[in-house]
Amino acid sequence: MVFDGSCQIRQQKVSQQVIDRIRQAILTEQLDAGDKLPNEQSLARHFNVSRQTMRESLCALETMGLIKVRSGIGGGAFVTDVGLKPARDGLINFIFNKNFTIQNITEVRLSLEPDAAFKAAEVMTDQERRVLVKILDNCRERIQRQDSLANLRRLEIAFHAAIVKATKNPILILLHNLAEHLLWDVKTQLGTDSEFSGRVLLRHEKILEALFRRDSEAAAEHMRQDIIYVETFLIKLADDAQLSFQ
């Protein structure tokens, strides 16, 4: 069994200390995705805690997305592949206890996405650019046939996500995913329409053209203009509906 530090835990907040030990083992790859943890009784004995405390700790780790507890024959606690969603959701839980505005989201996006577009113009592969073409073709087709607005919003997010993904920067990808998730909620609450999506599509086409030319400056500037347009449009919708985002 691989866990750093002493196996005995006696201080307050015992379950949190157990969680921290197992979490560290997972995140430092002492435990790999798919590994099965020892049974509850063995873990409780290892950490010198009660089975109830151990059960609470495993439940918390599963909520965090670090393990998956399976029942039945061959069941137990298994280490999961730590993906983007658990990390993002943890940050969202924190943010929703704070006051945030459309302007806050825009500030974050302006800090991240123009630079991402700048770099993407330099490093994007032909295949990655083809993905963007497919996204915009799909978006154009869905606007013409008046498809669901939820699908249009997903495509708008997918376009930005594909550009950020091309940077190969995992921290940037996480932060962008968080900002876009919050933006999705705002768009859904305010009810952006197909006319809005059509205008966004035109701006995305300009970004794509710059990426194909490998023009970093133009890609960054068109990305900046797109973000500002979205902010202006959403603030107007919020004002008209007399809604605030806190």
C-alpha atoms as a PDB file:
ATOM      1  CA  MET A   1       0.000   0.000   0.000  1.00  0.00           C
ATOM      2  CA  VAL A   2       1.515   3.355  -1.027  1.00  0.00           C
ATOM      3  CA  PHE A   3       0.673   6.414   1.084  1.00  0.00           C
ATOM      4  CA  ASP A   4       3.222   9.039   2.130  1.00  0.00           C
ATOM      5  CA  GLY A   5       3.877   9.853   5.766  1.00  0.00           C
ATOM      6  CA  SER A   6       3.043   8.133   8.988  1.00  0.00           C
ATOM      7  CA  CYS A   7       0.139   5.736   8.840  1.00  0.00           C
ATOM      8  CA  GLN A   8      -1.178   6.895  12.219  1.00  0.00           C
ATOM      9  CA  ILE A   9      -3.462   9.925  12.417  1.00  0.00           C
ATOM     10  CA  ARG A  10      -4.539  11.304  15.769  1.00  0.00           C
ATOM     11  CA  GLN A  11      -5.237  15.021  15.359  1.00  0.00           C
ATOM     12  CA  GLN A  12      -8.580  16.744  14.831  1.00  0.00           C
ATOM     13  CA  LYS A  13     -10.451  16.509  11.522  1.00  0.00           C
ATOM     14  CA  VAL A  14      -9.292  12.947  11.116  1.00  0.00           C
ATOM     15  CA  SER A  15     -11.299  12.225   7.978  1.00  0.00           C
ATOM     16  CA  GLN A  16      -9.817  15.268   6.212  1.00  0.00           C
ATOM     17  CA  GLN A  17      -6.313  14.034   6.943  1.00  0.00           C
ATOM     18  CA  VAL A  18      -7.157  10.621   5.525  1.00  0.00           C
ATOM     19  CA  ILE A  19      -8.611  12.304   2.440  1.00  0.00           C
ATOM     20  CA  ASP A  20      -5.468  14.414   2.016  1.00  0.00           C
ATOM     21  CA  ARG A  21      -3.164  11.379   2.241  1.00  0.00           C
ATOM     22  CA  ILE A  22      -5.042   9.348  -0.342  1.00  0.00           C
ATOM     23  CA  ARG A  23      -5.550  12.385  -2.570  1.00  0.00           C
ATOM     24  CA  GLN A  24      -1.802  13.097  -2.516  1.00  0.00           C
ATOM     25  CA  ALA A  25      -1.042   9.496  -3.442  1.00  0.00           C
ATOM     26  CA  ILE A  26      -3.384   9.749  -6.429  1.00  0.00           C
ATOM     27  CA  LEU A  27      -2.267  13.166  -7.669  1.00  0.00           C
ATOM     28  CA  THR A  28       1.433  12.304  -7.345  1.00  0.00           C
ATOM     29  CA  GLU A  29       0.765   9.086  -9.287  1.00  0.00           C
ATOM     30  CA  GLN A  30       1.739   6.768  -6.455  1.00  0.00           C
ATOM     31  CA  LEU A  31      -1.691   5.345  -7.235  1.00  0.00           C
ATOM     32  CA  ASP A  32      -2.688   5.042 -10.886  1.00  0.00           C
ATOM     33  CA  ALA A  33      -6.071   5.187 -12.579  1.00  0.00           C
ATOM     34  CA  GLY A  34      -7.718   1.795 -12.262  1.00  0.00           C
ATOM     35  CA  ASP A  35      -5.850   0.792  -9.111  1.00  0.00           C
ATOM     36  CA  LYS A  36      -8.057  -0.803  -6.479  1.00  0.00           C
ATOM     37  CA  LEU A  37      -7.679   0.470  -2.935  1.00  0.00           C
ATOM     38  CA  PRO A  38      -7.551  -2.005  -0.051  1.00  0.00           C
ATOM     39  CA  ASN A  39     -10.925  -2.742   1.521  1.00  0.00           C
ATOM     40  CA  GLU A  40     -12.466  -0.382   4.034  1.00  0.00           C
ATOM     41  CA  GLN A  41     -11.384  -2.425   7.043  1.00  0.00           C
ATOM     42  CA  SER A  42      -7.742  -2.624   5.891  1.00  0.00           C
ATOM     43  CA  LEU A  43      -7.636   1.119   5.171  1.00  0.00           C
ATOM     44  CA  ALA A  44      -9.122   1.922   8.581  1.00  0.00           C
ATOM     45  CA  ARG A  45      -6.484  -0.240  10.212  1.00  0.00           C
ATOM     46  CA  HIS A  46      -3.695   1.327   8.131  1.00  0.00           C
ATOM     47  CA  PHE A  47      -4.681   4.874   9.093  1.00  0.00           C
ATOM     48  CA  ASN A  48      -5.655   3.860  12.629  1.00  0.00           C
ATOM     49  CA  VAL A  49      -9.132   5.336  12.308  1.00  0.00           C
ATOM     50  CA  SER A  50     -12.644   3.966  12.727  1.00  0.00           C
ATOM     51  CA  ARG A  51     -14.455   2.290   9.839  1.00  0.00           C
ATOM     52  CA  GLN A  52     -17.048   5.081   9.972  1.00  0.00           C
ATOM     53  CA  THR A  53     -14.318   7.683   9.504  1.00  0.00           C
ATOM     54  CA  MET A  54     -12.842   5.662   6.672  1.00  0.00           C
ATOM     55  CA  ARG A  55     -16.269   5.346   5.038  1.00  0.00           C
ATOM     56  CA  GLU A  56     -16.772   9.137   5.246  1.00  0.00           C
ATOM     57  CA  SER A  57     -13.346   9.711   3.722  1.00  0.00           C
ATOM     58  CA  LEU A  58     -14.013   7.391   0.792  1.00  0.00           C
ATOM     59  CA  CYS A  59     -17.370   9.050   0.193  1.00  0.00           C
ATOM     60  CA  ALA A  60     -15.682  12.462   0.057  1.00  0.00           C
ATOM     61  CA  LEU A  61     -13.004  11.194  -2.337  1.00  0.00           C
ATOM     62  CA  GLU A  62     -15.708   9.820  -4.619  1.00  0.00           C
ATOM     63  CA  THR A  63     -17.518  13.182  -4.554  1.00  0.00           C
ATOM     64  CA  MET A  64     -14.231  14.822  -5.548  1.00  0.00           C
ATOM     65  CA  GLY A  65     -14.041  12.493  -8.544  1.00  0.00           C
ATOM     66  CA  LEU A  66     -10.816  10.838  -7.391  1.00  0.00           C
ATOM     67  CA  ILE A  67     -12.214   7.366  -6.776  1.00  0.00           C
ATOM     68  CA  LYS A  68     -15.218   5.318  -7.846  1.00  0.00           C
ATOM     69  CA  VAL A  69     -16.822   2.927  -5.378  1.00  0.00           C
ATOM     70  CA  ARG A  70     -18.361  -0.124  -7.034  1.00  0.00           C
ATOM     71  CA  SER A  71     -20.633  -2.602  -5.295  1.00  0.00           C
ATOM     72  CA  GLY A  72     -21.048  -6.321  -5.779  1.00  0.00           C
ATOM     73  CA  ILE A  73     -18.572  -9.071  -6.575  1.00  0.00           C
ATOM     74  CA  GLY A  74     -15.243  -7.590  -7.618  1.00  0.00           C
ATOM     75  CA  GLY A  75     -16.324  -4.222  -6.260  1.00  0.00           C
ATOM     76  CA  GLY A  76     -14.460  -1.815  -4.041  1.00  0.00           C
ATOM     77  CA  ALA A  77     -12.862   1.622  -4.302  1.00  0.00           C
ATOM     78  CA  PHE A  78     -10.989   2.242  -7.572  1.00  0.00           C
ATOM     79  CA  VAL A  79      -8.818   5.211  -8.541  1.00  0.00           C
ATOM     80  CA  THR A  80     -10.374   7.158 -11.409  1.00  0.00           C
ATOM     81  CA  ASP A  81      -8.689   8.961 -14.263  1.00  0.00           C
ATOM     82  CA  VAL A  82      -8.606  12.505 -12.891  1.00  0.00           C
ATOM     83  CA  GLY A  83     -10.157  14.555 -15.656  1.00  0.00           C
ATOM     84  CA  LEU A  84     -11.182  18.129 -16.309  1.00  0.00           C
ATOM     85  CA  LYS A  85     -14.716  17.951 -14.942  1.00  0.00           C
ATOM     86  CA  PRO A  86     -13.934  17.155 -11.257  1.00  0.00           C
ATOM     87  CA  ALA A  87     -11.321  19.904 -11.145  1.00  0.00           C
ATOM     88  CA  ARG A  88     -13.658  22.414 -12.786  1.00  0.00           C
ATOM     89  CA  ASP A  89     -16.616  21.475 -10.621  1.00  0.00           C
ATOM     90  CA  GLY A  90     -14.576  22.015  -7.475  1.00  0.00           C
ATOM     91  CA  LEU A  91     -13.755  25.551  -8.605  1.00  0.00           C
ATOM     92  CA  ILE A  92     -17.380  26.189  -9.556  1.00  0.00           C
ATOM     93  CA  ASN A  93     -18.511  25.168  -6.073  1.00  0.00           C
ATOM     94  CA  PHE A  94     -16.164  27.822  -4.700  1.00  0.00           C
ATOM     95  CA  ILE A  95     -17.174  30.544  -7.155  1.00  0.00           C
ATOM     96  CA  PHE A  96     -20.910  30.137  -6.639  1.00  0.00           C
ATOM     97  CA  ASN A  97     -20.393  31.107  -3.005  1.00  0.00           C
ATOM     98  CA  LYS A  98     -18.991  34.423  -4.223  1.00  0.00           C
ATOM     99  CA  ASN A  99     -20.456  37.331  -6.149  1.00  0.00           C
ATOM    100  CA  PHE A 100     -19.520  37.278  -9.832  1.00  0.00           C
ATOM    101  CA  THR A 101     -20.697  39.265 -12.818  1.00  0.00           C
ATOM    102  CA  ILE A 102     -20.632  39.053 -16.591  1.00  0.00           C
ATOM    103  CA  GLN A 103     -17.778  41.550 -16.452  1.00  0.00           C
ATOM    104  CA  ASN A 104     -15.809  39.198 -14.178  1.00  0.00           C
ATOM    105  CA  ILE A 105     -16.148  36.399 -16.720  1.00  0.00           C
ATOM    106  CA  THR A 106     -15.077  38.753 -19.509  1.00  0.00           C
ATOM    107  CA  GLU A 107     -11.994  39.875 -17.586  1.00  0.00           C
ATOM    108  CA  VAL A 108     -10.883  36.278 -17.212  1.00  0.00           C
ATOM    109  CA  ARG A 109     -11.570  35.490 -20.858  1.00  0.00           C
ATOM    110  CA  LEU A 110      -9.675  38.563 -22.034  1.00  0.00           C
ATOM    111  CA  SER A 111      -6.733  37.502 -19.879  1.00  0.00           C
ATOM    112  CA  LEU A 112      -6.654  34.030 -21.419  1.00  0.00           C
ATOM    113  CA  GLU A 113      -8.145  33.720 -24.871  1.00  0.00           C
ATOM    114  CA  PRO A 114      -6.438  36.376 -27.025  1.00  0.00           C
ATOM    115  CA  ASP A 115      -3.066  34.975 -25.944  1.00  0.00           C
ATOM    116  CA  ALA A 116      -4.346  31.449 -26.600  1.00  0.00           C
ATOM    117  CA  ALA A 117      -5.399  32.482 -30.115  1.00  0.00           C
ATOM    118  CA  PHE A 118      -2.015  34.157 -30.638  1.00  0.00           C
ATOM    119  CA  LYS A 119      -0.195  30.943 -29.735  1.00  0.00           C
ATOM    120  CA  ALA A 120      -2.652  28.704 -31.581  1.00  0.00           C
ATOM    121  CA  ALA A 121      -1.974  30.580 -34.812  1.00  0.00           C
ATOM    122  CA  GLU A 122       1.658  29.534 -34.482  1.00  0.00           C
ATOM    123  CA  VAL A 123       1.302  25.929 -33.332  1.00  0.00           C
ATOM    124  CA  MET A 124      -2.044  24.637 -34.630  1.00  0.00           C
ATOM    125  CA  THR A 125      -1.871  21.560 -36.823  1.00  0.00           C
ATOM    126  CA  ASP A 126      -3.846  21.117 -40.040  1.00  0.00           C
ATOM    127  CA  GLN A 127      -6.028  18.576 -38.266  1.00  0.00           C
ATOM    128  CA  GLU A 128      -6.808  21.019 -35.448  1.00  0.00           C
ATOM    129  CA  ARG A 129      -7.781  23.696 -37.970  1.00  0.00           C
ATOM    130  CA  ARG A 130     -10.031  21.189 -39.753  1.00  0.00           C
ATOM    131  CA  VAL A 131     -11.798  20.580 -36.455  1.00  0.00           C
ATOM    132  CA  LEU A 132     -12.575  24.307 -36.260  1.00  0.00           C
ATOM    133  CA  VAL A 133     -13.872  24.305 -39.828  1.00  0.00           C
ATOM    134  CA  LYS A 134     -16.182  21.419 -38.990  1.00  0.00           C
ATOM    135  CA  ILE A 135     -17.478  23.203 -35.881  1.00  0.00           C
ATOM    136  CA  LEU A 136     -18.313  26.350 -37.852  1.00  0.00           C
ATOM    137  CA  ASP A 137     -19.906  24.382 -40.698  1.00  0.00           C
ATOM    138  CA  ASN A 138     -22.036  22.575 -38.136  1.00  0.00           C
ATOM    139  CA  CYS A 139     -22.984  25.847 -36.476  1.00  0.00           C
ATOM    140  CA  ARG A 140     -23.912  27.462 -39.791  1.00  0.00           C
ATOM    141  CA  GLU A 141     -26.096  24.509 -40.728  1.00  0.00           C
ATOM    142  CA  ARG A 142     -27.873  24.494 -37.368  1.00  0.00           C
ATOM    143  CA  ILE A 143     -28.595  28.224 -37.560  1.00  0.00           C
ATOM    144  CA  GLN A 144     -30.130  27.787 -41.020  1.00  0.00           C
ATOM    145  CA  ARG A 145     -32.433  25.000 -39.876  1.00  0.00           C
ATOM    146  CA  GLN A 146     -33.200  26.784 -36.596  1.00  0.00           C
ATOM    147  CA  ASP A 147     -31.852  24.005 -34.423  1.00  0.00           C
ATOM    148  CA  SER A 148     -32.016  24.129 -30.622  1.00  0.00           C
ATOM    149  CA  LEU A 149     -30.261  27.064 -28.996  1.00  0.00           C
ATOM    150  CA  ALA A 150     -28.553  24.701 -26.543  1.00  0.00           C
ATOM    151  CA  ASN A 151     -26.771  22.995 -29.455  1.00  0.00           C
ATOM    152  CA  LEU A 152     -25.653  26.355 -30.827  1.00  0.00           C
ATOM    153  CA  ARG A 153     -24.235  27.335 -27.447  1.00  0.00           C
ATOM    154  CA  ARG A 154     -22.333  24.048 -27.249  1.00  0.00           C
ATOM    155  CA  LEU A 155     -20.786  24.693 -30.658  1.00  0.00           C
ATOM    156  CA  GLU A 156     -19.798  28.237 -29.694  1.00  0.00           C
ATOM    157  CA  ILE A 157     -18.030  26.890 -26.623  1.00  0.00           C
ATOM    158  CA  ALA A 158     -16.471  24.036 -28.615  1.00  0.00           C
ATOM    159  CA  PHE A 159     -14.901  26.535 -31.028  1.00  0.00           C
ATOM    160  CA  HIS A 160     -13.158  28.419 -28.244  1.00  0.00           C
ATOM    161  CA  ALA A 161     -12.230  25.213 -26.416  1.00  0.00           C
ATOM    162  CA  ALA A 162     -10.555  23.771 -29.520  1.00  0.00           C
ATOM    163  CA  ILE A 163      -8.379  26.867 -29.876  1.00  0.00           C
ATOM    164  CA  VAL A 164      -7.321  26.804 -26.229  1.00  0.00           C
ATOM    165  CA  LYS A 165      -6.691  23.052 -26.410  1.00  0.00           C
ATOM    166  CA  ALA A 166      -4.214  23.665 -29.238  1.00  0.00           C
ATOM    167  CA  THR A 167      -1.945  25.512 -26.803  1.00  0.00           C
ATOM    168  CA  LYS A 168      -1.352  22.193 -24.938  1.00  0.00           C
ATOM    169  CA  ASN A 169      -1.336  24.162 -21.664  1.00  0.00           C
ATOM    170  CA  PRO A 170      -3.344  22.141 -19.098  1.00  0.00           C
ATOM    171  CA  ILE A 171      -3.707  25.047 -16.664  1.00  0.00           C
ATOM    172  CA  LEU A 172      -5.001  27.336 -19.393  1.00  0.00           C
ATOM    173  CA  ILE A 173      -7.388  24.617 -20.568  1.00  0.00           C
ATOM    174  CA  LEU A 174      -8.797  24.202 -17.045  1.00  0.00           C
ATOM    175  CA  LEU A 175      -9.280  27.931 -16.455  1.00  0.00           C
ATOM    176  CA  HIS A 176     -10.874  28.415 -19.847  1.00  0.00           C
ATOM    177  CA  ASN A 177     -13.199  25.467 -19.258  1.00  0.00           C
ATOM    178  CA  LEU A 178     -14.299  27.063 -15.991  1.00  0.00           C
ATOM    179  CA  ALA A 179     -14.962  30.453 -17.619  1.00  0.00           C
ATOM    180  CA  GLU A 180     -16.887  28.889 -20.496  1.00  0.00           C
ATOM    181  CA  HIS A 181     -18.990  26.813 -18.099  1.00  0.00           C
ATOM    182  CA  LEU A 182     -19.997  29.963 -16.238  1.00  0.00           C
ATOM    183  CA  LEU A 183     -20.673  31.700 -19.549  1.00  0.00           C
ATOM    184  CA  TRP A 184     -22.902  28.791 -20.603  1.00  0.00           C
ATOM    185  CA  ASP A 185     -25.026  29.310 -17.487  1.00  0.00           C
ATOM    186  CA  VAL A 186     -25.318  33.044 -18.155  1.00  0.00           C
ATOM    187  CA  LYS A 187     -26.282  32.533 -21.819  1.00  0.00           C
ATOM    188  CA  THR A 188     -28.886  29.947 -20.817  1.00  0.00           C
ATOM    189  CA  GLN A 189     -30.439  32.149 -18.151  1.00  0.00           C
ATOM    190  CA  LEU A 190     -30.568  35.191 -20.414  1.00  0.00           C
ATOM    191  CA  GLY A 191     -31.814  33.244 -23.432  1.00  0.00           C
ATOM    192  CA  THR A 192     -29.420  34.071 -26.259  1.00  0.00           C
ATOM    193  CA  ASP A 193     -31.097  33.511 -29.632  1.00  0.00           C
ATOM    194  CA  SER A 194     -30.111  32.352 -33.113  1.00  0.00           C
ATOM    195  CA  GLU A 195     -29.518  35.958 -34.221  1.00  0.00           C
ATOM    196  CA  PHE A 196     -26.880  36.259 -31.513  1.00  0.00           C
ATOM    197  CA  SER A 197     -25.331  32.953 -32.624  1.00  0.00           C
ATOM    198  CA  GLY A 198     -25.254  34.194 -36.216  1.00  0.00           C
ATOM    199  CA  ARG A 199     -23.301  37.287 -35.221  1.00  0.00           C
ATOM    200  CA  VAL A 200     -20.925  35.195 -33.128  1.00  0.00           C
ATOM    201  CA  LEU A 201     -20.420  32.893 -36.121  1.00  0.00           C
ATOM    202  CA  LEU A 202     -19.236  35.833 -38.255  1.00  0.00           C
ATOM    203  CA  ARG A 203     -16.655  36.719 -35.610  1.00  0.00           C
ATOM    204  CA  HIS A 204     -15.536  33.124 -35.317  1.00  0.00           C
ATOM    205  CA  GLU A 205     -15.020  33.002 -39.081  1.00  0.00           C
ATOM    206  CA  LYS A 206     -12.624  35.951 -38.804  1.00  0.00           C
ATOM    207  CA  ILE A 207     -10.704  34.208 -36.050  1.00  0.00           C
ATOM    208  CA  LEU A 208     -10.473  31.061 -38.166  1.00  0.00           C
ATOM    209  CA  GLU A 209      -9.243  32.986 -41.202  1.00  0.00           C
ATOM    210  CA  ALA A 210      -6.447  34.475 -39.112  1.00  0.00           C
ATOM    211  CA  LEU A 211      -5.534  31.038 -37.761  1.00  0.00           C
ATOM    212  CA  PHE A 212      -5.298  29.655 -41.299  1.00  0.00           C
ATOM    213  CA  ARG A 213      -3.008  32.546 -42.260  1.00  0.00           C
ATOM    214  CA  ARG A 214      -0.968  31.887 -39.084  1.00  0.00           C
ATOM    215  CA  ASP A 215      -1.454  35.573 -38.318  1.00  0.00           C
ATOM    216  CA  SER A 216      -1.057  35.631 -34.545  1.00  0.00           C
ATOM    217  CA  GLU A 217      -1.772  39.330 -34.100  1.00  0.00           C
ATOM    218  CA  ALA A 218      -4.997  39.186 -36.106  1.00  0.00           C
ATOM    219  CA  ALA A 219      -6.154  36.014 -34.360  1.00  0.00           C
ATOM    220  CA  ALA A 220      -5.648  37.603 -30.952  1.00  0.00           C
ATOM    221  CA  GLU A 221      -7.406  40.825 -31.968  1.00  0.00           C
ATOM    222  CA  HIS A 222     -10.420  39.076 -33.503  1.00  0.00           C
ATOM    223  CA  MET A 223     -10.679  36.930 -30.384  1.00  0.00           C
ATOM    224  CA  ARG A 224     -10.627  40.051 -28.209  1.00  0.00           C
ATOM    225  CA  GLN A 225     -13.381  41.658 -30.301  1.00  0.00           C
ATOM    226  CA  ASP A 226     -15.500  38.509 -30.091  1.00  0.00           C
ATOM    227  CA  ILE A 227     -15.260  38.397 -26.302  1.00  0.00           C
ATOM    228  CA  ILE A 228     -16.144  42.082 -25.951  1.00  0.00           C
ATOM    229  CA  TYR A 229     -19.124  41.686 -28.305  1.00  0.00           C
ATOM    230  CA  VAL A 230     -20.462  38.786 -26.254  1.00  0.00           C
ATOM    231  CA  GLU A 231     -20.083  40.778 -23.034  1.00  0.00           C
ATOM    232  CA  THR A 232     -21.892  43.816 -24.496  1.00  0.00           C
ATOM    233  CA  PHE A 233     -24.743  41.688 -25.813  1.00  0.00           C
ATOM    234  CA  LEU A 234     -25.193  39.759 -22.557  1.00  0.00           C
ATOM    235  CA  ILE A 235     -25.129  42.890 -20.401  1.00  0.00           C
ATOM    236  CA  LYS A 236     -27.853  44.408 -22.584  1.00  0.00           C
ATOM    237  CA  LEU A 237     -29.965  41.256 -22.227  1.00  0.00           C
ATOM    238  CA  ALA A 238     -29.456  41.324 -18.468  1.00  0.00           C
ATOM    239  CA  ASP A 239     -30.423  44.991 -18.264  1.00  0.00           C
ATOM    240  CA  ASP A 240     -33.533  44.441 -20.396  1.00  0.00           C
ATOM    241  CA  ALA A 241     -34.583  41.512 -18.221  1.00  0.00           C
ATOM    242  CA  GLN A 242     -33.547  43.345 -15.038  1.00  0.00           C
ATOM    243  CA  LEU A 243     -31.418  40.378 -14.014  1.00  0.00           C
ATOM    244  CA  SER A 244     -28.165  40.359 -12.090  1.00  0.00           C
ATOM    245  CA  PHE A 245     -25.574  37.625 -11.666  1.00  0.00           C
ATOM    246  CA  GLN A 246     -24.249  37.209  -8.154  1.00  0.00           C
END
